[in-house]
PDB file of N, CA and C in Angstrom:
ATOM      1  N   MET A   1     -10.053  40.768  45.023  1.00  0.00           N
ATOM      2  CA  MET A   1      -9.133  41.188  43.991  1.00  0.00           C
ATOM      3  C   MET A   1      -7.943  40.229  43.913  1.00  0.00           C
ATOM      4  N   VAL A   2      -7.434  39.838  45.052  1.00  0.00           N
ATOM      5  CA  VAL A   2      -6.320  38.895  45.078  1.00  0.00           C
ATOM      6  C   VAL A   2      -6.771  37.534  44.558  1.00  0.00           C
ATOM      7  N   GLY A   3      -7.982  37.153  44.884  1.00  0.00           N
ATOM      8  CA  GLY A   3      -8.521  35.872  44.417  1.00  0.00           C
ATOM      9  C   GLY A   3      -8.616  35.819  42.902  1.00  0.00           C
ATOM     10  N   ALA A   4      -9.058  36.905  42.291  1.00  0.00           N
ATOM     11  CA  ALA A   4      -9.151  36.955  40.833  1.00  0.00           C
ATOM     12  C   ALA A   4      -7.768  36.866  40.192  1.00  0.00           C
ATOM     13  N   LEU A   5      -6.801  37.550  40.775  1.00  0.00           N
ATOM     14  CA  LEU A   5      -5.433  37.509  40.257  1.00  0.00           C
ATOM     15  C   LEU A   5      -4.848  36.108  40.368  1.00  0.00           C
ATOM     16  N   LEU A   6      -5.064  35.453  41.494  1.00  0.00           N
ATOM     17  CA  LEU A   6      -4.571  34.080  41.668  1.00  0.00           C
ATOM     18  C   LEU A   6      -5.269  33.107  40.719  1.00  0.00           C
ATOM     19  N   THR A   7      -6.543  33.324  40.458  1.00  0.00           N
ATOM     20  CA  THR A   7      -7.273  32.479  39.516  1.00  0.00           C
ATOM     21  C   THR A   7      -6.699  32.612  38.111  1.00  0.00           C
ATOM     22  N   VAL A   8      -6.443  33.839  37.681  1.00  0.00           N
ATOM     23  CA  VAL A   8      -5.858  34.068  36.362  1.00  0.00           C
ATOM     24  C   VAL A   8      -4.472  33.435  36.286  1.00  0.00           C
ATOM     25  N   LEU A   9      -3.677  33.577  37.304  1.00  0.00           N
ATOM     26  CA  LEU A   9      -2.340  32.995  37.332  1.00  0.00           C
ATOM     27  C   LEU A   9      -2.412  31.474  37.272  1.00  0.00           C
ATOM     28  N   THR A  10      -3.305  30.880  38.028  1.00  0.00           N
ATOM     29  CA  THR A  10      -3.455  29.429  38.034  1.00  0.00           C
ATOM     30  C   THR A  10      -3.886  28.906  36.670  1.00  0.00           C
ATOM     31  N   LEU A  11      -4.880  29.561  36.069  1.00  0.00           N
ATOM     32  CA  LEU A  11      -5.336  29.141  34.748  1.00  0.00           C
ATOM     33  C   LEU A  11      -4.256  29.318  33.687  1.00  0.00           C
ATOM     34  N   SER A  12      -3.435  30.336  33.815  1.00  0.00           N
ATOM     35  CA  SER A  12      -2.330  30.545  32.870  1.00  0.00           C
ATOM     36  C   SER A  12      -1.298  29.438  32.978  1.00  0.00           C
ATOM     37  N   VAL A  13      -0.982  29.022  34.183  1.00  0.00           N
ATOM     38  CA  VAL A  13      -0.014  27.938  34.385  1.00  0.00           C
ATOM     39  C   VAL A  13      -0.573  26.622  33.850  1.00  0.00           C
ATOM     40  N   ILE A  14      -1.843  26.374  34.059  1.00  0.00           N
ATOM     41  CA  ILE A  14      -2.476  25.160  33.533  1.00  0.00           C
ATOM     42  C   ILE A  14      -2.456  25.180  32.005  1.00  0.00           C
ATOM     43  N   GLN A  15      -2.734  26.329  31.396  1.00  0.00           N
ATOM     44  CA  GLN A  15      -2.717  26.443  29.934  1.00  0.00           C
ATOM     45  C   GLN A  15      -1.312  26.224  29.387  1.00  0.00           C
ATOM     46  N   LEU A  16      -0.303  26.762  30.055  1.00  0.00           N
ATOM     47  CA  LEU A  16       1.077  26.541  29.644  1.00  0.00           C
ATOM     48  C   LEU A  16       1.421  25.066  29.726  1.00  0.00           C
ATOM     49  N   GLY A  17       0.999  24.403  30.780  1.00  0.00           N
ATOM     50  CA  GLY A  17       1.234  22.966  30.920  1.00  0.00           C
ATOM     51  C   GLY A  17       0.574  22.174  29.805  1.00  0.00           C
ATOM     52  N   LEU A  18      -0.640  22.555  29.419  1.00  0.00           N
ATOM     53  CA  LEU A  18      -1.334  21.879  28.323  1.00  0.00           C
ATOM     54  C   LEU A  18      -0.589  22.078  27.010  1.00  0.00           C
ATOM     55  N   ALA A  19      -0.156  23.293  26.737  1.00  0.00           N
ATOM     56  CA  ALA A  19       0.576  23.567  25.500  1.00  0.00           C
ATOM     57  C   ALA A  19       1.892  22.783  25.453  1.00  0.00           C
ATOM     58  N   LEU A  20       2.600  22.709  26.564  1.00  0.00           N
ATOM     59  CA  LEU A  20       3.846  21.943  26.607  1.00  0.00           C
ATOM     60  C   LEU A  20       3.592  20.451  26.451  1.00  0.00           C
ATOM     61  N   HIS A  21       2.516  19.964  27.032  1.00  0.00           N
ATOM     62  CA  HIS A  21       2.153  18.548  26.885  1.00  0.00           C
ATOM     63  C   HIS A  21       1.887  18.217  25.418  1.00  0.00           C
ATOM     64  N   ILE A  22       1.147  19.083  24.739  1.00  0.00           N
ATOM     65  CA  ILE A  22       0.858  18.853  23.324  1.00  0.00           C
ATOM     66  C   ILE A  22       2.139  18.917  22.498  1.00  0.00           C
ATOM     67  N   ARG A  23       2.989  19.891  22.756  1.00  0.00           N
ATOM     68  CA  ARG A  23       4.248  20.003  22.006  1.00  0.00           C
ATOM     69  C   ARG A  23       5.119  18.781  22.214  1.00  0.00           C
ATOM     70  N   ASN A  24       5.267  18.334  23.459  1.00  0.00           N
ATOM     71  CA  ASN A  24       6.105  17.175  23.739  1.00  0.00           C
ATOM     72  C   ASN A  24       5.539  15.899  23.134  1.00  0.00           C
ATOM     73  N   THR A  25       4.233  15.731  23.179  1.00  0.00           N
ATOM     74  CA  THR A  25       3.601  14.543  22.615  1.00  0.00           C
ATOM     75  C   THR A  25       3.774  14.514  21.100  1.00  0.00           C
ATOM     76  N   VAL A  26       3.552  15.644  20.439  1.00  0.00           N
ATOM     77  CA  VAL A  26       3.686  15.704  18.984  1.00  0.00           C
ATOM     78  C   VAL A  26       5.148  15.527  18.567  1.00  0.00           C
ATOM     79  N   THR A  27       6.079  16.100  19.312  1.00  0.00           N
ATOM     80  CA  THR A  27       7.504  15.927  19.013  1.00  0.00           C
ATOM     81  C   THR A  27       7.913  14.468  19.133  1.00  0.00           C
ATOM     82  N   ASP A  28       7.475  13.801  20.182  1.00  0.00           N
ATOM     83  CA  ASP A  28       7.791  12.390  20.365  1.00  0.00           C
ATOM     84  C   ASP A  28       7.186  11.541  19.256  1.00  0.00           C
ATOM     85  N   ALA A  29       5.951  11.837  18.852  1.00  0.00           N
ATOM     86  CA  ALA A  29       5.304  11.085  17.779  1.00  0.00           C
ATOM     87  C   ALA A  29       6.036  11.298  16.451  1.00  0.00           C
ATOM     88  N   ALA A  30       6.485  12.521  16.184  1.00  0.00           N
ATOM     89  CA  ALA A  30       7.219  12.794  14.948  1.00  0.00           C
ATOM     90  C   ALA A  30       8.552  12.046  14.932  1.00  0.00           C
ATOM     91  N   ALA A  31       9.247  12.021  16.057  1.00  0.00           N
ATOM     92  CA  ALA A  31      10.513  11.298  16.130  1.00  0.00           C
ATOM     93  C   ALA A  31      10.300   9.792  15.963  1.00  0.00           C
ATOM     94  N   GLU A  32       9.263   9.259  16.585  1.00  0.00           N
ATOM     95  CA  GLU A  32       8.970   7.834  16.447  1.00  0.00           C
ATOM     96  C   GLU A  32       8.574   7.501  15.017  1.00  0.00           C
ATOM     97  N   GLY A  33       7.780   8.353  14.382  1.00  0.00           N
ATOM     98  CA  GLY A  33       7.408   8.144  12.984  1.00  0.00           C
ATOM     99  C   GLY A  33       8.610   8.190  12.062  1.00  0.00           C
ATOM    100  N   ALA A  34       9.549   9.100  12.326  1.00  0.00           N
ATOM    101  CA  ALA A  34      10.773   9.176  11.524  1.00  0.00           C
ATOM    102  C   ALA A  34      11.603   7.912  11.701  1.00  0.00           C
ATOM    103  N   ARG A  35      11.726   7.420  12.922  1.00  0.00           N
ATOM    104  CA  ARG A  35      12.472   6.176  13.155  1.00  0.00           C
ATOM    105  C   ARG A  35      11.808   5.003  12.446  1.00  0.00           C
ATOM    106  N   PHE A  36      10.484   4.955  12.498  1.00  0.00           N
ATOM    107  CA  PHE A  36       9.748   3.871  11.867  1.00  0.00           C
ATOM    108  C   PHE A  36       9.875   3.942  10.346  1.00  0.00           C
ATOM    109  N   GLY A  37       9.782   5.134   9.774  1.00  0.00           N
ATOM    110  CA  GLY A  37       9.896   5.303   8.336  1.00  0.00           C
ATOM    111  C   GLY A  37      11.312   5.133   7.816  1.00  0.00           C
ATOM    112  N   ALA A  38      12.308   5.279   8.670  1.00  0.00           N
ATOM    113  CA  ALA A  38      13.705   5.165   8.252  1.00  0.00           C
ATOM    114  C   ALA A  38      14.200   3.721   8.248  1.00  0.00           C
ATOM    115  N   LEU A  39      13.416   2.798   8.738  1.00  0.00           N
ATOM    116  CA  LEU A  39      13.834   1.396   8.724  1.00  0.00           C
ATOM    117  C   LEU A  39      13.950   0.898   7.287  1.00  0.00           C
ATOM    118  N   ALA A  40      14.822  -0.065   7.058  1.00  0.00           N
ATOM    119  CA  ALA A  40      15.117  -0.528   5.706  1.00  0.00           C
ATOM    120  C   ALA A  40      13.900  -1.122   5.007  1.00  0.00           C
ATOM    121  N   ASP A  41      13.004  -1.750   5.739  1.00  0.00           N
ATOM    122  CA  ASP A  41      11.849  -2.394   5.107  1.00  0.00           C
ATOM    123  C   ASP A  41      10.583  -1.545   5.150  1.00  0.00           C
ATOM    124  N   ASN A  42      10.680  -0.275   5.524  1.00  0.00           N
ATOM    125  CA  ASN A  42       9.527   0.632   5.583  1.00  0.00           C
ATOM    126  C   ASN A  42       9.724   1.809   4.633  1.00  0.00           C
ATOM    127  N   THR A  43       8.628   2.517   4.381  1.00  0.00           N
ATOM    128  CA  THR A  43       8.679   3.708   3.534  1.00  0.00           C
ATOM    129  C   THR A  43       8.314   4.934   4.368  1.00  0.00           C
ATOM    130  N   LEU A  44       8.442   6.097   3.756  1.00  0.00           N
ATOM    131  CA  LEU A  44       8.056   7.323   4.452  1.00  0.00           C
ATOM    132  C   LEU A  44       6.564   7.335   4.756  1.00  0.00           C
ATOM    133  N   ALA A  45       5.763   6.733   3.883  1.00  0.00           N
ATOM    134  CA  ALA A  45       4.311   6.668   4.127  1.00  0.00           C
ATOM    135  C   ALA A  45       4.015   5.871   5.394  1.00  0.00           C
ATOM    136  N   ASP A  46       4.812   4.840   5.660  1.00  0.00           N
ATOM    137  CA  ASP A  46       4.643   4.083   6.906  1.00  0.00           C
ATOM    138  C   ASP A  46       4.951   4.961   8.117  1.00  0.00           C
ATOM    139  N   GLY A  47       5.973   5.799   8.006  1.00  0.00           N
ATOM    140  CA  GLY A  47       6.315   6.714   9.087  1.00  0.00           C
ATOM    141  C   GLY A  47       5.241   7.752   9.336  1.00  0.00           C
ATOM    142  N   VAL A  48       4.650   8.265   8.262  1.00  0.00           N
ATOM    143  CA  VAL A  48       3.562   9.246   8.395  1.00  0.00           C
ATOM    144  C   VAL A  48       2.362   8.593   9.067  1.00  0.00           C
ATOM    145  N   GLU A  49       2.024   7.385   8.643  1.00  0.00           N
ATOM    146  CA  GLU A  49       0.880   6.677   9.233  1.00  0.00           C
ATOM    147  C   GLU A  49       1.119   6.382  10.711  1.00  0.00           C
ATOM    148  N   ARG A  50       2.334   5.978  11.059  1.00  0.00           N
ATOM    149  CA  ARG A  50       2.672   5.717  12.468  1.00  0.00           C
ATOM    150  C   ARG A  50       2.548   6.997  13.299  1.00  0.00           C
ATOM    151  N   THR A  51       3.029   8.108  12.759  1.00  0.00           N
ATOM    152  CA  THR A  51       2.942   9.389  13.457  1.00  0.00           C
ATOM    153  C   THR A  51       1.489   9.788  13.680  1.00  0.00           C
ATOM    154  N   ARG A  52       0.680   9.660  12.628  1.00  0.00           N
ATOM    155  CA  ARG A  52      -0.743   9.995  12.764  1.00  0.00           C
ATOM    156  C   ARG A  52      -1.436   9.119  13.803  1.00  0.00           C
ATOM    157  N   ASP A  53      -1.132   7.836  13.794  1.00  0.00           N
ATOM    158  CA  ASP A  53      -1.745   6.931  14.781  1.00  0.00           C
ATOM    159  C   ASP A  53      -1.374   7.322  16.209  1.00  0.00           C
ATOM    160  N   LEU A  54      -0.102   7.631  16.436  1.00  0.00           N
ATOM    161  CA  LEU A  54       0.344   7.995  17.784  1.00  0.00           C
ATOM    162  C   LEU A  54      -0.304   9.296  18.255  1.00  0.00           C
ATOM    163  N   ILE A  55      -0.365  10.296  17.384  1.00  0.00           N
ATOM    164  CA  ILE A  55      -0.964  11.582  17.761  1.00  0.00           C
ATOM    165  C   ILE A  55      -2.460  11.430  17.997  1.00  0.00           C
ATOM    166  N   ALA A  56      -3.134  10.701  17.099  1.00  0.00           N
ATOM    167  CA  ALA A  56      -4.581  10.517  17.246  1.00  0.00           C
ATOM    168  C   ALA A  56      -4.925   9.764  18.514  1.00  0.00           C
ATOM    169  N   THR A  57      -4.104   8.806  18.897  1.00  0.00           N
ATOM    170  CA  THR A  57      -4.346   8.056  20.123  1.00  0.00           C
ATOM    171  C   THR A  57      -4.140   8.919  21.360  1.00  0.00           C
ATOM    172  N   ALA A  58      -3.098   9.746  21.343  1.00  0.00           N
ATOM    173  CA  ALA A  58      -2.756  10.532  22.531  1.00  0.00           C
ATOM    174  C   ALA A  58      -3.569  11.826  22.648  1.00  0.00           C
ATOM    175  N   LEU A  59      -3.809  12.510  21.520  1.00  0.00           N
ATOM    176  CA  LEU A  59      -4.411  13.841  21.580  1.00  0.00           C
ATOM    177  C   LEU A  59      -5.731  13.963  20.839  1.00  0.00           C
ATOM    178  N   GLY A  60      -5.953  13.141  19.846  1.00  0.00           N
ATOM    179  CA  GLY A  60      -7.156  13.232  19.034  1.00  0.00           C
ATOM    180  C   GLY A  60      -6.798  13.446  17.575  1.00  0.00           C
ATOM    181  N   ALA A  61      -7.712  13.072  16.706  1.00  0.00           N
ATOM    182  CA  ALA A  61      -7.447  13.131  15.267  1.00  0.00           C
ATOM    183  C   ALA A  61      -7.257  14.552  14.753  1.00  0.00           C
ATOM    184  N   GLY A  62      -7.804  15.539  15.425  1.00  0.00           N
ATOM    185  CA  GLY A  62      -7.655  16.927  14.999  1.00  0.00           C
ATOM    186  C   GLY A  62      -6.227  17.431  15.035  1.00  0.00           C
ATOM    187  N   TYR A  63      -5.392  16.803  15.823  1.00  0.00           N
ATOM    188  CA  TYR A  63      -3.996  17.210  15.920  1.00  0.00           C
ATOM    189  C   TYR A  63      -3.100  16.460  14.946  1.00  0.00           C
ATOM    190  N   ALA A  64      -3.655  15.476  14.220  1.00  0.00           N
ATOM    191  CA  ALA A  64      -2.846  14.637  13.333  1.00  0.00           C
ATOM    192  C   ALA A  64      -3.193  14.841  11.871  1.00  0.00           C
ATOM    193  N   GLN A  65      -3.682  15.993  11.503  1.00  0.00           N
ATOM    194  CA  GLN A  65      -4.131  16.187  10.131  1.00  0.00           C
ATOM    195  C   GLN A  65      -3.017  16.573   9.163  1.00  0.00           C
ATOM    196  N   ASP A  66      -2.026  17.310   9.584  1.00  0.00           N
ATOM    197  CA  ASP A  66      -0.984  17.793   8.682  1.00  0.00           C
ATOM    198  C   ASP A  66       0.357  17.170   9.055  1.00  0.00           C
ATOM    199  N   VAL A  67       0.603  15.978   8.524  1.00  0.00           N
ATOM    200  CA  VAL A  67       1.849  15.252   8.771  1.00  0.00           C
ATOM    201  C   VAL A  67       2.488  14.963   7.423  1.00  0.00           C
ATOM    202  N   THR A  68       3.745  15.359   7.245  1.00  0.00           N
ATOM    203  CA  THR A  68       4.468  15.098   6.003  1.00  0.00           C
ATOM    204  C   THR A  68       5.817  14.472   6.328  1.00  0.00           C
ATOM    205  N   ALA A  69       6.383  13.806   5.325  1.00  0.00           N
ATOM    206  CA  ALA A  69       7.699  13.184   5.511  1.00  0.00           C
ATOM    207  C   ALA A  69       8.512  13.342   4.241  1.00  0.00           C
ATOM    208  N   SER A  70       9.821  13.411   4.422  1.00  0.00           N
ATOM    209  CA  SER A  70      10.724  13.526   3.281  1.00  0.00           C
ATOM    210  C   SER A  70      12.090  12.986   3.680  1.00  0.00           C
ATOM    211  N   TYR A  71      12.885  12.703   2.666  1.00  0.00           N
ATOM    212  CA  TYR A  71      14.276  12.349   2.904  1.00  0.00           C
ATOM    213  C   TYR A  71      15.099  13.612   2.789  1.00  0.00           C
ATOM    214  N   GLY A  72      16.109  13.705   3.604  1.00  0.00           N
ATOM    215  CA  GLY A  72      16.969  14.869   3.577  1.00  0.00           C
ATOM    216  C   GLY A  72      18.269  14.570   4.280  1.00  0.00           C
ATOM    217  N   SER A  73      18.915  15.596   4.723  1.00  0.00           N
ATOM    218  CA  SER A  73      20.176  15.471   5.429  1.00  0.00           C
ATOM    219  C   SER A  73      20.031  16.127   6.798  1.00  0.00           C
ATOM    220  N   TYR A  74      20.502  15.434   7.812  1.00  0.00           N
ATOM    221  CA  TYR A  74      20.483  15.990   9.159  1.00  0.00           C
ATOM    222  C   TYR A  74      21.857  15.769   9.773  1.00  0.00           C
ATOM    223  N   LEU A  75      22.535  16.849  10.112  1.00  0.00           N
ATOM    224  CA  LEU A  75      23.893  16.827  10.652  1.00  0.00           C
ATOM    225  C   LEU A  75      24.843  16.088   9.713  1.00  0.00           C
ATOM    226  N   GLY A  76      24.612  16.244   8.396  1.00  0.00           N
ATOM    227  CA  GLY A  76      25.502  15.666   7.401  1.00  0.00           C
ATOM    228  C   GLY A  76      25.250  14.210   7.067  1.00  0.00           C
ATOM    229  N   HIS A  77      24.191  13.622   7.559  1.00  0.00           N
ATOM    230  CA  HIS A  77      23.895  12.217   7.304  1.00  0.00           C
ATOM    231  C   HIS A  77      22.518  12.102   6.660  1.00  0.00           C
ATOM    232  N   PRO A  78      22.313  11.092   5.797  1.00  0.00           N
ATOM    233  CA  PRO A  78      20.993  10.888   5.213  1.00  0.00           C
ATOM    234  C   PRO A  78      19.967  10.607   6.316  1.00  0.00           C
ATOM    235  N   ALA A  79      18.829  11.257   6.219  1.00  0.00           N
ATOM    236  CA  ALA A  79      17.846  11.135   7.292  1.00  0.00           C
ATOM    237  C   ALA A  79      16.431  11.143   6.737  1.00  0.00           C
ATOM    238  N   ALA A  80      15.543  10.513   7.480  1.00  0.00           N
ATOM    239  CA  ALA A  80      14.105  10.636   7.247  1.00  0.00           C
ATOM    240  C   ALA A  80      13.614  11.748   8.161  1.00  0.00           C
ATOM    241  N   ILE A  81      12.851  12.671   7.605  1.00  0.00           N
ATOM    242  CA  ILE A  81      12.374  13.823   8.371  1.00  0.00           C
ATOM    243  C   ILE A  81      10.851  13.832   8.325  1.00  0.00           C
ATOM    244  N   VAL A  82      10.232  13.766   9.492  1.00  0.00           N
ATOM    245  CA  VAL A  82       8.777  13.832   9.604  1.00  0.00           C
ATOM    246  C   VAL A  82       8.429  15.186  10.211  1.00  0.00           C
ATOM    247  N   THR A  83       7.577  15.936   9.520  1.00  0.00           N
ATOM    248  CA  THR A  83       7.159  17.265   9.956  1.00  0.00           C
ATOM    249  C   THR A  83       5.677  17.233  10.313  1.00  0.00           C
ATOM    250  N   VAL A  84       5.347  17.772  11.473  1.00  0.00           N
ATOM    251  CA  VAL A  84       3.958  17.831  11.931  1.00  0.00           C
ATOM    252  C   VAL A  84       3.608  19.287  12.203  1.00  0.00           C
ATOM    253  N   ARG A  85       2.516  19.741  11.594  1.00  0.00           N
ATOM    254  CA  ARG A  85       1.964  21.078  11.872  1.00  0.00           C
ATOM    255  C   ARG A  85       0.615  20.860  12.546  1.00  0.00           C
ATOM    256  N   THR A  86       0.477  21.410  13.721  1.00  0.00           N
ATOM    257  CA  THR A  86      -0.709  21.148  14.536  1.00  0.00           C
ATOM    258  C   THR A  86      -1.168  22.424  15.222  1.00  0.00           C
ATOM    259  N   PRO A  87      -2.405  22.476  15.683  1.00  0.00           N
ATOM    260  CA  PRO A  87      -2.868  23.677  16.395  1.00  0.00           C
ATOM    261  C   PRO A  87      -2.097  23.919  17.699  1.00  0.00           C
ATOM    262  N   LEU A  88      -1.842  25.171  17.988  1.00  0.00           N
ATOM    263  CA  LEU A  88      -1.224  25.577  19.247  1.00  0.00           C
ATOM    264  C   LEU A  88      -2.328  26.093  20.160  1.00  0.00           C
ATOM    265  N   PRO A  89      -2.636  25.375  21.239  1.00  0.00           N
ATOM    266  CA  PRO A  89      -3.752  25.796  22.096  1.00  0.00           C
ATOM    267  C   PRO A  89      -3.419  27.066  22.888  1.00  0.00           C
ATOM    268  N   LEU A  90      -4.330  28.023  22.831  1.00  0.00           N
ATOM    269  CA  LEU A  90      -4.156  29.269  23.581  1.00  0.00           C
ATOM    270  C   LEU A  90      -5.173  29.414  24.706  1.00  0.00           C
ATOM    271  N   ILE A  91      -6.411  28.991  24.445  1.00  0.00           N
ATOM    272  CA  ILE A  91      -7.467  29.026  25.465  1.00  0.00           C
ATOM    273  C   ILE A  91      -8.121  27.648  25.458  1.00  0.00           C
ATOM    274  N   GLY A  92      -7.807  26.855  26.448  1.00  0.00           N
ATOM    275  CA  GLY A  92      -8.270  25.469  26.434  1.00  0.00           C
ATOM    276  C   GLY A  92      -7.607  24.756  25.279  1.00  0.00           C
ATOM    277  N   LEU A  93      -8.391  24.059  24.466  1.00  0.00           N
ATOM    278  CA  LEU A  93      -7.849  23.400  23.279  1.00  0.00           C
ATOM    279  C   LEU A  93      -8.025  24.235  22.017  1.00  0.00           C
ATOM    280  N   VAL A  94      -8.573  25.429  22.139  1.00  0.00           N
ATOM    281  CA  VAL A  94      -8.776  26.320  20.997  1.00  0.00           C
ATOM    282  C   VAL A  94      -7.537  27.195  20.843  1.00  0.00           C
ATOM    283  N   GLY A  95      -7.082  27.298  19.603  1.00  0.00           N
ATOM    284  CA  GLY A  95      -5.891  28.110  19.408  1.00  0.00           C
ATOM    285  C   GLY A  95      -5.613  28.381  17.954  1.00  0.00           C
ATOM    286  N   ILE A  96      -4.363  28.640  17.655  1.00  0.00           N
ATOM    287  CA  ILE A  96      -3.916  29.005  16.321  1.00  0.00           C
ATOM    288  C   ILE A  96      -3.745  27.735  15.497  1.00  0.00           C
ATOM    289  N   ASP A  97      -4.457  27.650  14.364  1.00  0.00           N
ATOM    290  CA  ASP A  97      -4.313  26.505  13.479  1.00  0.00           C
ATOM    291  C   ASP A  97      -2.927  26.521  12.849  1.00  0.00           C
ATOM    292  N   ARG A  98      -2.257  25.394  12.873  1.00  0.00           N
ATOM    293  CA  ARG A  98      -0.884  25.250  12.371  1.00  0.00           C
ATOM    294  C   ARG A  98       0.086  26.183  13.094  1.00  0.00           C
ATOM    295  N   GLY A  99      -0.189  26.479  14.331  1.00  0.00           N
ATOM    296  CA  GLY A  99       0.668  27.364  15.105  1.00  0.00           C
ATOM    297  C   GLY A  99       1.890  26.682  15.685  1.00  0.00           C
ATOM    298  N   LEU A 100       1.903  25.361  15.630  1.00  0.00           N
ATOM    299  CA  LEU A 100       3.010  24.587  16.186  1.00  0.00           C
ATOM    300  C   LEU A 100       3.552  23.678  15.100  1.00  0.00           C
ATOM    301  N   GLU A 101       4.834  23.789  14.808  1.00  0.00           N
ATOM    302  CA  GLU A 101       5.476  22.925  13.808  1.00  0.00           C
ATOM    303  C   GLU A 101       6.688  22.259  14.443  1.00  0.00           C
ATOM    304  N   VAL A 102       6.709  20.934  14.388  1.00  0.00           N
ATOM    305  CA  VAL A 102       7.826  20.178  14.945  1.00  0.00           C
ATOM    306  C   VAL A 102       8.334  19.198  13.894  1.00  0.00           C
ATOM    307  N   GLU A 103       9.584  18.781  14.051  1.00  0.00           N
ATOM    308  CA  GLU A 103      10.187  17.804  13.151  1.00  0.00           C
ATOM    309  C   GLU A 103      10.819  16.692  13.952  1.00  0.00           C
ATOM    310  N   GLY A 104      10.762  15.503  13.382  1.00  0.00           N
ATOM    311  CA  GLY A 104      11.474  14.357  13.938  1.00  0.00           C
ATOM    312  C   GLY A 104      12.458  13.861  12.892  1.00  0.00           C
ATOM    313  N   HIS A 105      13.667  13.516  13.305  1.00  0.00           N
ATOM    314  CA  HIS A 105      14.711  13.069  12.387  1.00  0.00           C
ATOM    315  C   HIS A 105      15.187  11.681  12.794  1.00  0.00           C
ATOM    316  N   ALA A 106      15.559  10.886  11.793  1.00  0.00           N
ATOM    317  CA  ALA A 106      16.134   9.571  12.067  1.00  0.00           C
ATOM    318  C   ALA A 106      17.069   9.198  10.930  1.00  0.00           C
ATOM    319  N   ALA A 107      18.169   8.570  11.266  1.00  0.00           N
ATOM    320  CA  ALA A 107      19.110   8.112  10.252  1.00  0.00           C
ATOM    321  C   ALA A 107      18.484   7.027   9.406  1.00  0.00           C
ATOM    322  N   VAL A 108      18.669   7.120   8.088  1.00  0.00           N
ATOM    323  CA  VAL A 108      18.089   6.155   7.156  1.00  0.00           C
ATOM    324  C   VAL A 108      18.886   4.859   7.229  1.00  0.00           C
ATOM    325  N   GLU A 109      18.186   3.764   7.400  1.00  0.00           N
ATOM    326  CA  GLU A 109      18.794   2.444   7.486  1.00  0.00           C
ATOM    327  C   GLU A 109      18.846   1.839   6.082  1.00  0.00           C
ATOM    328  N   THR A 110      19.965   1.247   5.720  1.00  0.00           N
ATOM    329  CA  THR A 110      20.085   0.590   4.424  1.00  0.00           C
ATOM    330  C   THR A 110      20.561  -0.840   4.614  1.00  0.00           C
ATOM    331  N   LEU A 111      20.394  -1.635   3.589  1.00  0.00           N
ATOM    332  CA  LEU A 111      20.830  -3.038   3.634  1.00  0.00           C
ATOM    333  C   LEU A 111      22.152  -3.265   2.918  1.00  0.00           C
ATOM    334  N   ASP A 112      22.878  -2.189   2.639  1.00  0.00           N
ATOM    335  CA  ASP A 112      24.156  -2.301   1.915  1.00  0.00           C
ATOM    336  C   ASP A 112      25.227  -2.879   2.777  1.00  0.00           C
TER     337      ASP A 112
END
């Protein structure tokens, strides 16, 4: 009985670690894509493509399907915002589709 309880606890901790790894990886990719898209000689489409490449390399193409970018304001400054909606793993890699949404922000660079 104790063995079964410890097994469930161990698997739960491993699943939490996997979910946090995916969240951190996707957040970092979104921030990098926003920085890349905010450069003066790049567009938002370049930032989206960079984000998709980073996510697909680290986690797989299934996690990089819903990536969008827009210009907006962040803390009162013009910013490029990259939004990623990806599955949130609950049991192994199976989970809620679009259960995790993260954003990356970067100040827009201009040549003025």
